[in-house]
């Protein structure tokens, strides 16, 4: 078998994400090394074995692995076919140092919901313009990770700000999204403006309106795009005027919500 080393890496415009890294390796083995960021790892094919703090671990298909910063680890394929993995490197703003000890003790988490959410986050991070979706998904992932790794009683952590009524928060966020329809708003800024914790804000909005904040924003943008297309504007012009990253970004969301591409929709106008 010919050795495979395929990688792709990028830095998205999402606070807290240092790097996204996708790789397919067959024979390559990582030596012992450290990162200054959290390593959030899922394996899509094959498996990886690694040593962390002098203990051996593995990554079966349904596992999410969280390797803490500053703790040496290595990694190698378990089978001749190697492995395909997707990795997020997260800075300490997403998980602070109080979680390093629990992560060393239990780095591999068998949690199907978490596994699905991490996969969804990778999909969002692959598309420029979907940063609000990525940030929302990452916030809920961080909350779930903290639930798994909650430090022992008495260990200091950053407290969440006091909660406001959910429906008030939801309506405040909806007004903000309507005001920022074209320029957009990231989740951290939105949480600061409406005085809420980001994870609670996403849950409050979804619970009140039955739709996530990023879905609401994209559906409003698509609605505006439809009107402009019926006025005879080109898809490229419409993408720029409705807050999409580019024409392909508009096309992807437009087809998902309307069923046809913007150009075809425009040509259908009487």
Protein backbone atom coordinates (compact mmCIF):
# COMPACT_ATOMS: atom_id res chain seq x y z
CA UNK A 1 0.00 0.00 0.00
CA UNK A 2 1.28 3.43 -0.94
CA UNK A 3 1.63 5.69 2.10
CA UNK A 4 -0.97 8.45 2.19
CA UNK A 5 -0.42 11.91 3.69
CA UNK A 6 -3.27 14.23 2.77
CA UNK A 7 -3.90 17.35 4.83
CA UNK A 8 -5.88 20.57 4.69
CA UNK A 9 -5.70 23.32 7.29
CA UNK A 10 -7.11 26.80 7.72
CA UNK A 11 -7.85 29.44 10.31
CA UNK A 12 -11.54 30.40 10.30
CA UNK A 13 -12.93 33.74 11.42
CA UNK A 14 -14.46 32.25 14.57
CA UNK A 15 -13.27 33.44 17.99
CA UNK A 16 -11.52 30.74 19.95
CA UNK A 17 -10.67 28.51 16.98
CA UNK A 18 -6.92 28.58 16.40
CA UNK A 19 -6.90 26.14 13.48
CA UNK A 20 -8.98 23.57 11.61
CA UNK A 21 -6.99 20.53 10.48
CA UNK A 22 -8.18 17.59 8.35
CA UNK A 23 -5.85 14.69 7.56
CA UNK A 24 -5.64 11.21 6.05
CA UNK A 25 -2.54 9.28 7.13
CA UNK A 26 -1.70 5.61 6.63
CA UNK A 27 1.81 5.07 7.96
CA UNK A 28 2.76 8.36 9.61
CA UNK A 29 3.20 8.35 13.39
CA UNK A 30 3.34 11.54 15.45
CA UNK A 31 6.24 11.71 17.94
CA UNK A 32 5.65 13.05 21.43
CA UNK A 33 4.73 16.73 21.20
CA UNK A 34 2.63 19.42 22.86
CA UNK A 35 0.22 22.15 21.75
CA UNK A 36 -0.62 25.43 23.43
CA UNK A 37 -4.28 24.89 22.52
CA UNK A 38 -6.95 22.27 23.17
CA UNK A 39 -7.09 19.50 20.54
CA UNK A 40 -10.68 18.43 19.77
CA UNK A 41 -10.45 15.33 17.59
CA UNK A 42 -12.86 13.04 15.75
CA UNK A 43 -11.86 10.12 13.55
CA UNK A 44 -14.02 9.41 10.50
CA UNK A 45 -12.27 6.23 9.36
CA UNK A 46 -9.79 3.88 11.00
CA UNK A 47 -8.50 4.57 14.49
CA UNK A 48 -5.64 6.29 16.29
CA UNK A 49 -3.77 5.11 19.34
CA UNK A 50 -1.90 7.65 21.46
CA UNK A 51 -0.15 8.10 24.77
CA UNK A 52 -1.17 10.95 27.07
CA UNK A 53 0.44 11.44 30.48
CA UNK A 54 2.04 7.96 30.21
CA UNK A 55 -1.32 6.23 29.62
CA UNK A 56 -2.42 4.65 26.34
CA UNK A 57 -5.70 5.71 24.73
CA UNK A 58 -7.57 5.13 21.48
CA UNK A 59 -10.15 6.79 19.25
CA UNK A 60 -12.87 4.43 18.00
CA UNK A 61 -15.29 5.82 15.43
CA UNK A 62 -17.93 7.06 17.90
CA UNK A 63 -15.50 8.84 20.23
CA UNK A 64 -14.68 12.51 20.65
CA UNK A 65 -11.16 13.03 22.00
CA UNK A 66 -10.15 16.17 23.84
CA UNK A 67 -6.41 16.52 24.44
CA UNK A 68 -5.43 19.31 26.83
CA UNK A 69 -2.83 21.98 26.12
CA UNK A 70 0.75 21.63 27.40
CA UNK A 71 0.41 17.87 28.02
CA UNK A 72 2.67 15.72 25.78
CA UNK A 73 1.04 13.15 23.50
CA UNK A 74 1.82 11.19 20.37
CA UNK A 75 -0.32 9.36 17.81
CA UNK A 76 -0.18 6.52 15.29
CA UNK A 77 -2.58 4.52 13.10
CA UNK A 78 -3.98 1.28 14.47
CA UNK A 79 -4.55 -0.47 11.12
CA UNK A 80 -2.66 -0.55 7.78
CA UNK A 81 -5.40 1.57 6.20
CA UNK A 82 -4.53 4.39 8.61
CA UNK A 83 -7.09 6.97 9.67
CA UNK A 84 -9.01 10.04 8.57
CA UNK A 85 -9.41 12.66 11.23
CA UNK A 86 -10.83 16.13 11.72
CA UNK A 87 -9.30 18.33 14.38
CA UNK A 88 -10.11 21.67 15.95
CA UNK A 89 -7.51 23.54 17.96
CA UNK A 90 -9.27 25.74 20.52
CA UNK A 91 -7.72 28.42 22.68
CA UNK A 92 -8.24 28.85 26.41
CA UNK A 93 -11.15 31.24 25.92
CA UNK A 94 -13.29 28.18 25.11
CA UNK A 95 -12.02 25.93 27.91
CA UNK A 96 -9.86 27.37 30.65
CA UNK A 97 -7.02 25.73 32.58
CA UNK A 98 -9.32 24.28 35.27
CA UNK A 99 -10.37 21.57 32.81
CA UNK A 100 -6.86 20.32 31.99
CA UNK A 101 -6.72 17.82 34.86
CA UNK A 102 -10.10 16.21 34.13
CA UNK A 103 -9.21 16.02 30.43
CA UNK A 104 -5.97 14.19 31.22
CA UNK A 105 -7.96 11.66 33.27
CA UNK A 106 -10.71 11.20 30.64
CA UNK A 107 -9.66 12.41 27.19
CA UNK A 108 -11.94 10.09 25.16
CA UNK A 109 -15.65 10.86 25.42
CA UNK A 110 -18.30 8.46 24.11
CA UNK A 111 -21.14 10.87 23.44
CA UNK A 112 -23.11 10.51 20.16
CA UNK A 113 -24.71 13.95 20.50
CA UNK A 114 -21.33 15.60 21.00
CA UNK A 115 -19.88 13.61 18.08
CA UNK A 116 -22.69 14.79 15.79
CA UNK A 117 -22.29 18.40 16.88
CA UNK A 118 -18.55 18.39 16.26
CA UNK A 119 -19.17 17.04 12.75
CA UNK A 120 -21.77 19.75 12.11
CA UNK A 121 -19.32 22.37 13.32
CA UNK A 122 -16.69 21.19 10.85
CA UNK A 123 -19.24 21.51 8.05
CA UNK A 124 -20.04 25.08 9.08
CA UNK A 125 -16.36 26.00 9.36
CA UNK A 126 -15.79 24.85 5.78
CA UNK A 127 -17.96 27.66 4.40
CA UNK A 128 -16.91 31.31 4.80
CA UNK A 129 -19.95 33.36 5.73
CA UNK A 130 -21.38 30.79 8.13
CA UNK A 131 -19.47 32.08 11.15
CA UNK A 132 -22.59 32.70 13.25
CA UNK A 133 -23.62 29.06 12.79
CA UNK A 134 -20.10 27.86 13.61
CA UNK A 135 -19.85 30.06 16.68
CA UNK A 136 -23.27 28.93 17.92
CA UNK A 137 -22.41 25.27 17.45
CA UNK A 138 -19.02 25.72 19.10
CA UNK A 139 -20.63 27.41 22.10
CA UNK A 140 -22.97 24.47 22.67
CA UNK A 141 -20.07 22.03 22.18
CA UNK A 142 -18.07 23.89 24.82
CA UNK A 143 -20.99 23.69 27.21
CA UNK A 144 -21.29 19.93 26.68
CA UNK A 145 -17.54 19.42 27.10
CA UNK A 146 -17.62 21.30 30.39
CA UNK A 147 -20.46 19.03 31.50
CA UNK A 148 -18.23 16.00 30.90
CA UNK A 149 -15.16 17.56 32.50
CA UNK A 150 -16.68 19.58 35.31
CA UNK A 151 -13.96 20.10 37.92
CA UNK A 152 -14.48 18.80 41.40
CA UNK A 153 -16.50 20.89 43.81
CA UNK A 154 -14.51 23.80 45.11
CA UNK A 155 -12.43 24.26 41.95
CA UNK A 156 -12.87 27.87 40.77
CA UNK A 157 -14.39 28.43 37.33
CA UNK A 158 -15.71 31.48 35.55
CA UNK A 159 -19.34 32.04 36.55
CA UNK A 160 -21.99 32.64 33.95
CA UNK A 161 -23.67 36.06 34.16
CA UNK A 162 -27.13 36.22 35.78
CA UNK A 163 -29.88 34.92 33.51
CA UNK A 164 -32.63 37.11 32.10
CA UNK A 165 -36.05 35.73 31.05
CA UNK A 166 -35.66 33.56 27.96
CA UNK A 167 -38.38 35.19 25.86
CA UNK A 168 -36.99 38.65 26.55
CA UNK A 169 -33.56 37.49 25.44
CA UNK A 170 -34.97 35.80 22.35
CA UNK A 171 -36.84 38.90 21.23
CA UNK A 172 -33.85 41.13 21.94
CA UNK A 173 -31.65 38.90 19.79
CA UNK A 174 -34.22 38.80 17.00
CA UNK A 175 -34.34 42.59 16.94
CA UNK A 176 -30.55 42.68 16.81
CA UNK A 177 -30.42 40.18 13.94
CA UNK A 178 -33.01 42.21 12.04
CA UNK A 179 -30.96 45.37 12.54
CA UNK A 180 -27.75 43.62 11.44
CA UNK A 181 -29.28 41.65 8.60
CA UNK A 182 -26.63 42.63 6.05
CA UNK A 183 -23.54 43.29 8.16
CA UNK A 184 -24.22 40.40 10.56
CA UNK A 185 -23.16 40.00 14.18
CA UNK A 186 -21.02 37.39 15.91
CA UNK A 187 -22.32 35.51 18.90
CA UNK A 188 -19.95 37.02 21.44
CA UNK A 189 -20.95 40.55 20.44
CA UNK A 190 -24.64 39.64 20.47
CA UNK A 191 -24.33 38.12 23.94
CA UNK A 192 -22.57 41.21 25.19
CA UNK A 193 -25.20 43.55 23.73
CA UNK A 194 -28.16 41.69 25.23
CA UNK A 195 -26.33 40.81 28.48
CA UNK A 196 -26.51 37.02 28.30
CA UNK A 197 -24.22 34.03 28.24
CA UNK A 198 -23.75 32.88 24.60
CA UNK A 199 -24.92 29.30 25.17
CA UNK A 200 -28.00 30.45 27.07
CA UNK A 201 -28.75 32.99 24.34
CA UNK A 202 -28.70 30.32 21.61
CA UNK A 203 -30.95 28.04 23.65
CA UNK A 204 -33.36 30.85 24.53
CA UNK A 205 -33.75 31.90 20.90
CA UNK A 206 -34.18 28.34 19.63
CA UNK A 207 -36.69 27.56 22.36
CA UNK A 208 -38.75 30.68 21.74
CA UNK A 209 -38.87 30.59 17.95
CA UNK A 210 -38.16 26.98 17.01
CA UNK A 211 -35.19 27.98 14.87
CA UNK A 212 -31.52 28.65 15.65
CA UNK A 213 -30.20 32.23 15.36
CA UNK A 214 -28.06 31.44 12.30
CA UNK A 215 -31.02 29.77 10.58
CA UNK A 216 -33.17 32.82 11.24
CA UNK A 217 -30.53 35.17 9.86
CA UNK A 218 -30.00 33.13 6.68
CA UNK A 219 -33.72 32.75 6.04
CA UNK A 220 -34.21 36.52 6.36
CA UNK A 221 -31.33 37.11 3.95
CA UNK A 222 -32.75 34.62 1.45
CA UNK A 223 -36.15 36.34 1.66
CA UNK A 224 -34.53 39.66 0.80
CA UNK A 225 -32.54 38.00 -1.99
CA UNK A 226 -35.76 36.65 -3.52
CA UNK A 227 -37.25 40.12 -3.75
CA UNK A 228 -34.13 41.56 -5.37
CA UNK A 229 -33.90 38.70 -7.86
CA UNK A 230 -37.51 39.27 -8.89
CA UNK A 231 -36.58 42.92 -9.46
CA UNK A 232 -34.09 41.71 -12.05
CA UNK A 233 -30.86 41.99 -10.06
CA UNK A 234 -28.12 39.47 -10.81
CA UNK A 235 -27.16 36.81 -8.22
CA UNK A 236 -23.75 38.43 -7.78
CA UNK A 237 -25.30 41.81 -7.02
CA UNK A 238 -27.85 40.24 -4.71
CA UNK A 239 -25.21 38.32 -2.74
CA UNK A 240 -23.33 41.55 -2.03
CA UNK A 241 -26.47 43.42 -1.01
CA UNK A 242 -27.92 40.80 1.31
CA UNK A 243 -24.92 39.97 3.50
CA UNK A 244 -23.69 36.75 1.89
CA UNK A 245 -19.97 36.08 1.69
CA UNK A 246 -20.10 35.62 -2.09
CA UNK A 247 -22.37 34.29 -4.83
CA UNK A 248 -21.64 30.63 -4.03
CA UNK A 249 -22.58 31.28 -0.38
CA UNK A 250 -25.89 32.76 -1.53
CA UNK A 251 -26.48 29.85 -3.92
CA UNK A 252 -25.93 27.20 -1.25
CA UNK A 253 -28.39 28.70 1.21
CA UNK A 254 -30.86 29.78 -1.49
CA UNK A 255 -31.09 26.26 -2.95
CA UNK A 256 -31.51 24.78 0.50
CA UNK A 257 -34.42 27.08 1.37
CA UNK A 258 -36.07 27.66 -2.02
CA UNK A 259 -35.20 24.48 -3.91
CA UNK A 260 -33.59 26.10 -6.94
CA UNK A 261 -30.51 28.23 -7.60
CA UNK A 262 -30.83 32.04 -7.56
CA UNK A 263 -30.21 32.34 -11.32
CA UNK A 264 -32.97 29.90 -12.14
CA UNK A 265 -35.30 31.62 -9.71
CA UNK A 266 -34.58 34.98 -11.35
CA UNK A 267 -35.31 33.58 -14.82
CA UNK A 268 -38.64 32.22 -13.58
CA UNK A 269 -39.94 35.74 -12.90
CA UNK A 270 -42.72 36.88 -15.21
